[in-house]
Amino acid sequence: MNRKITTGWDWIQRLIRPPHQVWQQTLEDGEVDIRLQQPGIVAILLGLLFLYIFMPIKVVVICLVSVAGVILSGYGWVRSLAGHVHATRKLHYAAMQVGDELEENICVQNTGWLPALWIGIEDHSDFPAYSIGVIRGLAGFQ
């Protein structure tokens, strides 16, 4: 009995704790993950749906349609960007020696018509005092 309670509690904690993976696709040049960072908006949507079932008034319908529209338009925007944003990383010097400066270029392109409001680049290298992690925005067709 105690095991079932622990498992149920773990499930509730995983449900509350973001990020939640919504969609994943493997492309030829990488992997795309869409994750829900703020599950509160889905809780608001479910709460409005529950409220609409028991109290179908115009204000609840307007709020329900508005929140659902925001969620669906945001998901459509992200899915559009998922196939149109590409990044390349080029190291200028292939043979490095101790003491050489590391120089590399990262080129991010958005071939879609929707802008990418922010794109985060994470560097997973273990070089000391070197990080190229940055957040930038891209307009469409760049």
N, C-alpha and C. Protein backbone atom coordinates (compact mmCIF):
# COMPACT_ATOMS: atom_id res chain seq x y z
N MET A 1 0.82 -1.20 0.00
CA MET A 1 0.00 0.00 0.00
C MET A 1 0.87 1.26 0.00
N ASN A 2 1.93 1.24 0.78
CA ASN A 2 2.82 2.39 0.86
C ASN A 2 3.50 2.65 -0.48
N ARG A 3 3.84 1.59 -1.21
CA ARG A 3 4.48 1.73 -2.53
C ARG A 3 3.56 2.45 -3.50
N LYS A 4 2.27 2.14 -3.49
CA LYS A 4 1.32 2.79 -4.40
C LYS A 4 1.18 4.26 -4.07
N ILE A 5 1.18 4.61 -2.81
CA ILE A 5 1.08 6.01 -2.42
C ILE A 5 2.33 6.77 -2.86
N THR A 6 3.49 6.17 -2.68
CA THR A 6 4.73 6.81 -3.10
C THR A 6 4.75 6.98 -4.61
N THR A 7 4.33 5.97 -5.36
CA THR A 7 4.30 6.06 -6.80
C THR A 7 3.31 7.13 -7.25
N GLY A 8 2.16 7.19 -6.62
CA GLY A 8 1.17 8.21 -6.95
C GLY A 8 1.69 9.60 -6.65
N TRP A 9 2.38 9.76 -5.52
CA TRP A 9 2.94 11.06 -5.16
C TRP A 9 4.04 11.46 -6.14
N ASP A 10 4.88 10.51 -6.57
CA ASP A 10 5.90 10.80 -7.57
C ASP A 10 5.27 11.23 -8.89
N TRP A 11 4.17 10.59 -9.27
CA TRP A 11 3.48 10.95 -10.51
C TRP A 11 2.94 12.38 -10.43
N ILE A 12 2.39 12.75 -9.29
CA ILE A 12 1.86 14.11 -9.11
C ILE A 12 3.01 15.12 -9.16
N GLN A 13 4.14 14.82 -8.55
CA GLN A 13 5.28 15.73 -8.59
C GLN A 13 5.82 15.88 -10.00
N ARG A 14 5.89 14.79 -10.77
CA ARG A 14 6.33 14.89 -12.16
C ARG A 14 5.35 15.68 -13.00
N LEU A 15 4.07 15.59 -12.68
CA LEU A 15 3.05 16.32 -13.42
C LEU A 15 3.18 17.82 -13.17
N ILE A 16 3.53 18.20 -11.96
CA ILE A 16 3.63 19.61 -11.61
C ILE A 16 4.96 20.22 -12.04
N ARG A 17 6.04 19.46 -11.96
CA ARG A 17 7.38 19.98 -12.21
C ARG A 17 7.68 20.08 -13.71
N PRO A 18 7.92 21.29 -14.25
CA PRO A 18 8.26 21.43 -15.66
C PRO A 18 9.72 21.06 -15.89
N PRO A 19 10.19 20.92 -17.11
CA PRO A 19 9.46 21.01 -18.37
C PRO A 19 8.82 19.68 -18.76
N HIS A 20 7.72 19.77 -19.46
CA HIS A 20 7.01 18.60 -19.95
C HIS A 20 7.19 18.51 -21.46
N GLN A 21 7.66 17.38 -21.93
CA GLN A 21 7.89 17.21 -23.36
C GLN A 21 6.55 17.05 -24.07
N VAL A 22 6.32 17.90 -25.06
CA VAL A 22 5.08 17.88 -25.82
C VAL A 22 5.28 17.19 -27.16
N TRP A 23 6.43 17.44 -27.80
CA TRP A 23 6.66 16.93 -29.15
C TRP A 23 8.16 16.75 -29.35
N GLN A 24 8.55 15.72 -30.09
CA GLN A 24 9.95 15.46 -30.38
C GLN A 24 10.08 14.93 -31.79
N GLN A 25 11.10 15.41 -32.50
CA GLN A 25 11.36 14.94 -33.85
C GLN A 25 12.86 14.92 -34.08
N THR A 26 13.33 13.88 -34.74
CA THR A 26 14.74 13.78 -35.10
C THR A 26 14.89 14.15 -36.56
N LEU A 27 15.70 15.18 -36.82
CA LEU A 27 15.97 15.64 -38.17
C LEU A 27 17.35 15.17 -38.59
N GLU A 28 17.71 15.42 -39.86
CA GLU A 28 19.01 14.98 -40.34
C GLU A 28 20.16 15.75 -39.70
N ASP A 29 19.91 16.98 -39.25
CA ASP A 29 20.98 17.76 -38.65
C ASP A 29 20.80 18.01 -37.16
N GLY A 30 19.93 17.26 -36.52
CA GLY A 30 19.75 17.45 -35.09
C GLY A 30 18.43 16.91 -34.59
N GLU A 31 18.11 17.28 -33.38
CA GLU A 31 16.89 16.81 -32.73
C GLU A 31 16.10 18.02 -32.24
N VAL A 32 14.78 17.96 -32.39
CA VAL A 32 13.90 19.05 -31.98
C VAL A 32 13.01 18.57 -30.84
N ASP A 33 13.03 19.29 -29.74
CA ASP A 33 12.16 19.02 -28.60
C ASP A 33 11.31 20.25 -28.33
N ILE A 34 10.01 20.05 -28.17
CA ILE A 34 9.13 21.12 -27.73
C ILE A 34 8.68 20.73 -26.34
N ARG A 35 8.97 21.63 -25.38
CA ARG A 35 8.66 21.35 -23.98
C ARG A 35 7.80 22.47 -23.41
N LEU A 36 6.85 22.09 -22.59
CA LEU A 36 5.99 23.04 -21.90
C LEU A 36 6.70 23.47 -20.62
N GLN A 37 7.10 24.74 -20.56
CA GLN A 37 7.83 25.25 -19.41
C GLN A 37 6.91 25.75 -18.30
N GLN A 38 5.72 26.19 -18.65
CA GLN A 38 4.77 26.74 -17.67
C GLN A 38 3.47 25.95 -17.71
N PRO A 39 3.34 24.89 -16.92
CA PRO A 39 2.12 24.08 -16.96
C PRO A 39 0.91 24.79 -16.36
N GLY A 40 1.12 25.95 -15.76
CA GLY A 40 0.01 26.69 -15.17
C GLY A 40 -1.04 27.12 -16.19
N ILE A 41 -0.62 27.41 -17.42
CA ILE A 41 -1.57 27.83 -18.45
C ILE A 41 -2.52 26.69 -18.81
N VAL A 42 -2.03 25.46 -18.79
CA VAL A 42 -2.90 24.31 -19.05
C VAL A 42 -3.85 24.10 -17.88
N ALA A 43 -3.38 24.34 -16.66
CA ALA A 43 -4.26 24.24 -15.49
C ALA A 43 -5.36 25.30 -15.55
N ILE A 44 -5.02 26.50 -16.01
CA ILE A 44 -6.04 27.54 -16.19
C ILE A 44 -7.05 27.12 -17.23
N LEU A 45 -6.58 26.54 -18.34
CA LEU A 45 -7.49 26.07 -19.39
C LEU A 45 -8.42 24.99 -18.86
N LEU A 46 -7.89 24.03 -18.11
CA LEU A 46 -8.73 22.97 -17.55
C LEU A 46 -9.70 23.52 -16.52
N GLY A 47 -9.26 24.48 -15.73
CA GLY A 47 -10.15 25.12 -14.77
C GLY A 47 -11.29 25.86 -15.45
N LEU A 48 -10.98 26.56 -16.53
CA LEU A 48 -12.03 27.26 -17.28
C LEU A 48 -12.99 26.27 -17.94
N LEU A 49 -12.46 25.16 -18.43
CA LEU A 49 -13.33 24.13 -19.02
C LEU A 49 -14.25 23.54 -17.97
N PHE A 50 -13.72 23.26 -16.80
CA PHE A 50 -14.52 22.75 -15.69
C PHE A 50 -15.58 23.77 -15.28
N LEU A 51 -15.20 25.04 -15.22
CA LEU A 51 -16.14 26.10 -14.86
C LEU A 51 -17.24 26.24 -15.92
N TYR A 52 -16.87 26.09 -17.20
CA TYR A 52 -17.84 26.19 -18.28
C TYR A 52 -18.87 25.06 -18.23
N ILE A 53 -18.43 23.87 -17.82
CA ILE A 53 -19.36 22.74 -17.73
C ILE A 53 -20.45 23.02 -16.70
N PHE A 54 -20.08 23.62 -15.58
CA PHE A 54 -21.05 23.85 -14.52
C PHE A 54 -21.67 25.25 -14.53
N MET A 55 -21.06 26.19 -15.23
CA MET A 55 -21.58 27.54 -15.26
C MET A 55 -21.34 28.15 -16.65
N PRO A 56 -22.14 27.76 -17.65
CA PRO A 56 -21.89 28.22 -19.03
C PRO A 56 -22.38 29.66 -19.26
N ILE A 57 -21.58 30.63 -18.84
CA ILE A 57 -21.93 32.02 -19.09
C ILE A 57 -20.93 32.61 -20.10
N LYS A 58 -21.27 33.77 -20.66
CA LYS A 58 -20.46 34.35 -21.74
C LYS A 58 -19.03 34.67 -21.31
N VAL A 59 -18.87 35.16 -20.11
CA VAL A 59 -17.52 35.53 -19.65
C VAL A 59 -16.61 34.31 -19.61
N VAL A 60 -17.13 33.20 -19.15
CA VAL A 60 -16.33 31.97 -19.07
C VAL A 60 -15.99 31.48 -20.48
N VAL A 61 -16.95 31.57 -21.40
CA VAL A 61 -16.71 31.14 -22.78
C VAL A 61 -15.64 32.01 -23.42
N ILE A 62 -15.72 33.32 -23.22
CA ILE A 62 -14.73 34.23 -23.80
C ILE A 62 -13.34 33.93 -23.24
N CYS A 63 -13.23 33.73 -21.95
CA CYS A 63 -11.94 33.40 -21.33
C CYS A 63 -11.42 32.04 -21.82
N LEU A 64 -12.31 31.06 -21.93
CA LEU A 64 -11.92 29.73 -22.39
C LEU A 64 -11.40 29.77 -23.82
N VAL A 65 -12.11 30.46 -24.69
CA VAL A 65 -11.69 30.55 -26.09
C VAL A 65 -10.39 31.35 -26.20
N SER A 66 -10.24 32.39 -25.40
CA SER A 66 -9.01 33.20 -25.44
C SER A 66 -7.79 32.40 -25.00
N VAL A 67 -7.91 31.71 -23.89
CA VAL A 67 -6.77 30.92 -23.39
C VAL A 67 -6.45 29.77 -24.35
N ALA A 68 -7.48 29.10 -24.87
CA ALA A 68 -7.25 28.03 -25.84
C ALA A 68 -6.60 28.57 -27.10
N GLY A 69 -7.01 29.76 -27.54
CA GLY A 69 -6.41 30.38 -28.72
C GLY A 69 -4.95 30.73 -28.51
N VAL A 70 -4.62 31.23 -27.33
CA VAL A 70 -3.23 31.55 -27.02
C VAL A 70 -2.38 30.29 -27.01
N ILE A 71 -2.88 29.23 -26.41
CA ILE A 71 -2.13 27.97 -26.36
C ILE A 71 -1.94 27.39 -27.76
N LEU A 72 -3.00 27.34 -28.55
CA LEU A 72 -2.91 26.76 -29.89
C LEU A 72 -2.05 27.61 -30.83
N SER A 73 -2.17 28.93 -30.75
CA SER A 73 -1.34 29.77 -31.62
C SER A 73 0.13 29.69 -31.22
N GLY A 74 0.42 29.62 -29.93
CA GLY A 74 1.80 29.46 -29.48
C GLY A 74 2.38 28.13 -29.92
N TYR A 75 1.59 27.07 -29.83
CA TYR A 75 2.06 25.75 -30.26
C TYR A 75 2.31 25.74 -31.78
N GLY A 76 1.41 26.37 -32.54
CA GLY A 76 1.60 26.45 -33.99
C GLY A 76 2.84 27.24 -34.35
N TRP A 77 3.10 28.32 -33.64
CA TRP A 77 4.28 29.14 -33.87
C TRP A 77 5.56 28.33 -33.62
N VAL A 78 5.58 27.62 -32.51
CA VAL A 78 6.76 26.82 -32.17
C VAL A 78 6.96 25.68 -33.16
N ARG A 79 5.88 25.03 -33.57
CA ARG A 79 6.01 23.95 -34.57
C ARG A 79 6.52 24.49 -35.90
N SER A 80 6.10 25.72 -36.26
CA SER A 80 6.60 26.33 -37.48
C SER A 80 8.09 26.61 -37.39
N LEU A 81 8.54 27.10 -36.24
CA LEU A 81 9.96 27.38 -36.06
C LEU A 81 10.80 26.11 -35.98
N ALA A 82 10.21 25.02 -35.51
CA ALA A 82 10.96 23.78 -35.32
C ALA A 82 11.58 23.26 -36.61
N GLY A 83 10.92 23.46 -37.72
CA GLY A 83 11.46 22.98 -38.98
C GLY A 83 12.23 24.01 -39.77
N HIS A 84 12.25 25.27 -39.30
CA HIS A 84 12.85 26.33 -40.11
C HIS A 84 14.05 27.02 -39.47
N VAL A 85 14.40 26.70 -38.25
CA VAL A 85 15.57 27.30 -37.61
C VAL A 85 16.71 26.28 -37.65
N HIS A 86 17.83 26.71 -38.22
CA HIS A 86 18.99 25.83 -38.37
C HIS A 86 20.23 26.54 -37.84
N ALA A 87 21.12 25.79 -37.25
CA ALA A 87 22.35 26.36 -36.72
C ALA A 87 23.54 25.52 -37.17
N THR A 88 24.64 26.21 -37.45
CA THR A 88 25.90 25.55 -37.78
C THR A 88 26.99 26.12 -36.89
N ARG A 89 27.93 25.28 -36.54
CA ARG A 89 29.05 25.68 -35.68
C ARG A 89 30.33 25.32 -36.41
N LYS A 90 31.19 26.32 -36.64
CA LYS A 90 32.43 26.09 -37.38
C LYS A 90 33.63 26.51 -36.53
N LEU A 91 34.56 25.59 -36.40
CA LEU A 91 35.81 25.85 -35.69
C LEU A 91 36.83 26.29 -36.74
N HIS A 92 37.49 27.44 -36.50
CA HIS A 92 38.41 27.98 -37.51
C HIS A 92 39.71 27.22 -37.60
N TYR A 93 40.20 26.72 -36.50
CA TYR A 93 41.47 26.00 -36.51
C TYR A 93 41.22 24.58 -36.02
N ALA A 94 41.51 23.62 -36.86
CA ALA A 94 41.25 22.23 -36.50
C ALA A 94 42.32 21.70 -35.53
N ALA A 95 43.59 22.03 -35.77
CA ALA A 95 44.67 21.55 -34.91
C ALA A 95 44.99 22.63 -33.88
N MET A 96 44.72 22.32 -32.62
CA MET A 96 44.94 23.28 -31.54
C MET A 96 46.10 22.81 -30.67
N GLN A 97 46.84 23.78 -30.14
CA GLN A 97 47.90 23.50 -29.18
C GLN A 97 47.59 24.23 -27.89
N VAL A 98 48.26 23.84 -26.85
CA VAL A 98 48.06 24.49 -25.56
C VAL A 98 48.45 25.96 -25.68
N GLY A 99 47.57 26.84 -25.24
CA GLY A 99 47.82 28.27 -25.29
C GLY A 99 47.21 28.96 -26.49
N ASP A 100 46.77 28.21 -27.50
CA ASP A 100 46.12 28.82 -28.66
C ASP A 100 44.75 29.34 -28.28
N GLU A 101 44.34 30.41 -28.94
CA GLU A 101 43.00 30.94 -28.73
C GLU A 101 42.02 30.15 -29.59
N LEU A 102 40.90 29.82 -28.99
CA LEU A 102 39.87 29.07 -29.69
C LEU A 102 38.91 30.05 -30.35
N GLU A 103 38.79 29.94 -31.66
CA GLU A 103 37.89 30.83 -32.40
C GLU A 103 36.92 29.98 -33.20
N GLU A 104 35.64 30.25 -33.01
CA GLU A 104 34.61 29.53 -33.74
C GLU A 104 33.45 30.46 -34.04
N ASN A 105 32.71 30.11 -35.07
CA ASN A 105 31.53 30.88 -35.46
C ASN A 105 30.30 30.01 -35.34
N ILE A 106 29.23 30.62 -34.87
CA ILE A 106 27.94 29.95 -34.83
C ILE A 106 27.00 30.76 -35.70
N CYS A 107 26.42 30.12 -36.69
CA CYS A 107 25.50 30.78 -37.61
C CYS A 107 24.11 30.18 -37.41
N VAL A 108 23.15 31.02 -37.07
CA VAL A 108 21.77 30.58 -36.86
C VAL A 108 20.91 31.22 -37.93
N GLN A 109 20.14 30.41 -38.65
CA GLN A 109 19.28 30.90 -39.73
C GLN A 109 17.84 30.52 -39.47
N ASN A 110 16.95 31.46 -39.76
CA ASN A 110 15.52 31.22 -39.69
C ASN A 110 14.97 31.35 -41.10
N THR A 111 14.61 30.23 -41.72
CA THR A 111 14.08 30.26 -43.08
C THR A 111 12.56 30.33 -43.12
N GLY A 112 11.92 30.34 -41.98
CA GLY A 112 10.47 30.45 -41.92
C GLY A 112 10.01 31.89 -41.98
N TRP A 113 8.73 32.11 -42.10
CA TRP A 113 8.20 33.47 -42.19
C TRP A 113 7.83 34.04 -40.83
N LEU A 114 7.79 33.22 -39.79
CA LEU A 114 7.53 33.72 -38.44
C LEU A 114 8.85 34.03 -37.73
N PRO A 115 8.92 35.13 -36.97
CA PRO A 115 10.17 35.43 -36.27
C PRO A 115 10.37 34.54 -35.05
N ALA A 116 11.61 34.32 -34.71
CA ALA A 116 11.96 33.61 -33.48
C ALA A 116 12.28 34.69 -32.45
N LEU A 117 11.42 34.86 -31.46
CA LEU A 117 11.60 35.94 -30.50
C LEU A 117 12.85 35.77 -29.67
N TRP A 118 13.18 34.54 -29.30
CA TRP A 118 14.45 34.28 -28.63
C TRP A 118 14.89 32.86 -28.94
N ILE A 119 16.19 32.74 -29.15
CA ILE A 119 16.82 31.44 -29.41
C ILE A 119 17.97 31.32 -28.42
N GLY A 120 17.95 30.29 -27.63
CA GLY A 120 19.01 30.06 -26.66
C GLY A 120 20.00 29.05 -27.19
N ILE A 121 21.27 29.39 -27.13
CA ILE A 121 22.34 28.48 -27.53
C ILE A 121 23.06 28.05 -26.26
N GLU A 122 23.09 26.76 -26.01
CA GLU A 122 23.74 26.20 -24.84
C GLU A 122 25.05 25.55 -25.25
N ASP A 123 26.09 25.84 -24.51
CA ASP A 123 27.39 25.25 -24.76
C ASP A 123 27.64 24.17 -23.71
N HIS A 124 27.82 22.94 -24.16
CA HIS A 124 28.05 21.83 -23.24
C HIS A 124 29.52 21.43 -23.16
N SER A 125 30.41 22.30 -23.64
CA SER A 125 31.83 21.97 -23.57
C SER A 125 32.34 22.16 -22.14
N ASP A 126 33.49 21.57 -21.86
CA ASP A 126 34.05 21.66 -20.52
C ASP A 126 35.35 22.47 -20.48
N PHE A 127 35.51 23.39 -21.43
CA PHE A 127 36.67 24.26 -21.40
C PHE A 127 36.53 25.26 -20.26
N PRO A 128 37.57 25.44 -19.46
CA PRO A 128 37.46 26.41 -18.36
C PRO A 128 37.44 27.85 -18.88
N ALA A 129 36.60 28.67 -18.29
CA ALA A 129 36.47 30.10 -18.62
C ALA A 129 36.10 30.33 -20.08
N TYR A 130 35.37 29.42 -20.68
CA TYR A 130 34.94 29.58 -22.07
C TYR A 130 33.50 29.12 -22.17
N SER A 131 32.65 30.03 -22.56
CA SER A 131 31.25 29.68 -22.75
C SER A 131 30.69 30.53 -23.87
N ILE A 132 30.00 29.91 -24.78
CA ILE A 132 29.39 30.65 -25.88
C ILE A 132 27.88 30.66 -25.76
N GLY A 133 27.37 30.32 -24.59
CA GLY A 133 25.93 30.34 -24.39
C GLY A 133 25.40 31.75 -24.53
N VAL A 134 24.36 31.90 -25.34
CA VAL A 134 23.81 33.22 -25.62
C VAL A 134 22.34 33.08 -25.99
N ILE A 135 21.60 34.15 -25.84
CA ILE A 135 20.20 34.19 -26.26
C ILE A 135 20.04 35.35 -27.22
N ARG A 136 19.47 35.08 -28.38
CA ARG A 136 19.28 36.09 -29.42
C ARG A 136 17.89 35.94 -30.03
N GLY A 137 17.48 36.95 -30.77
CA GLY A 137 16.23 36.90 -31.52
C GLY A 137 16.52 36.91 -33.01
N LEU A 138 15.62 36.32 -33.80
CA LEU A 138 15.78 36.27 -35.25
C LEU A 138 14.48 36.67 -35.92
N ALA A 139 14.57 37.51 -36.93
CA ALA A 139 13.40 37.82 -37.73
C ALA A 139 13.19 36.67 -38.73
N GLY A 140 12.09 36.69 -39.43
CA GLY A 140 11.83 35.66 -40.43
C GLY A 140 12.73 35.83 -41.64
N PHE A 141 13.01 34.75 -42.35
CA PHE A 141 13.83 34.70 -43.56
C PHE A 141 15.23 35.26 -43.33
N GLN A 142 15.92 34.81 -42.28
CA GLN A 142 17.31 35.24 -42.04
C GLN A 142 18.21 34.04 -42.02
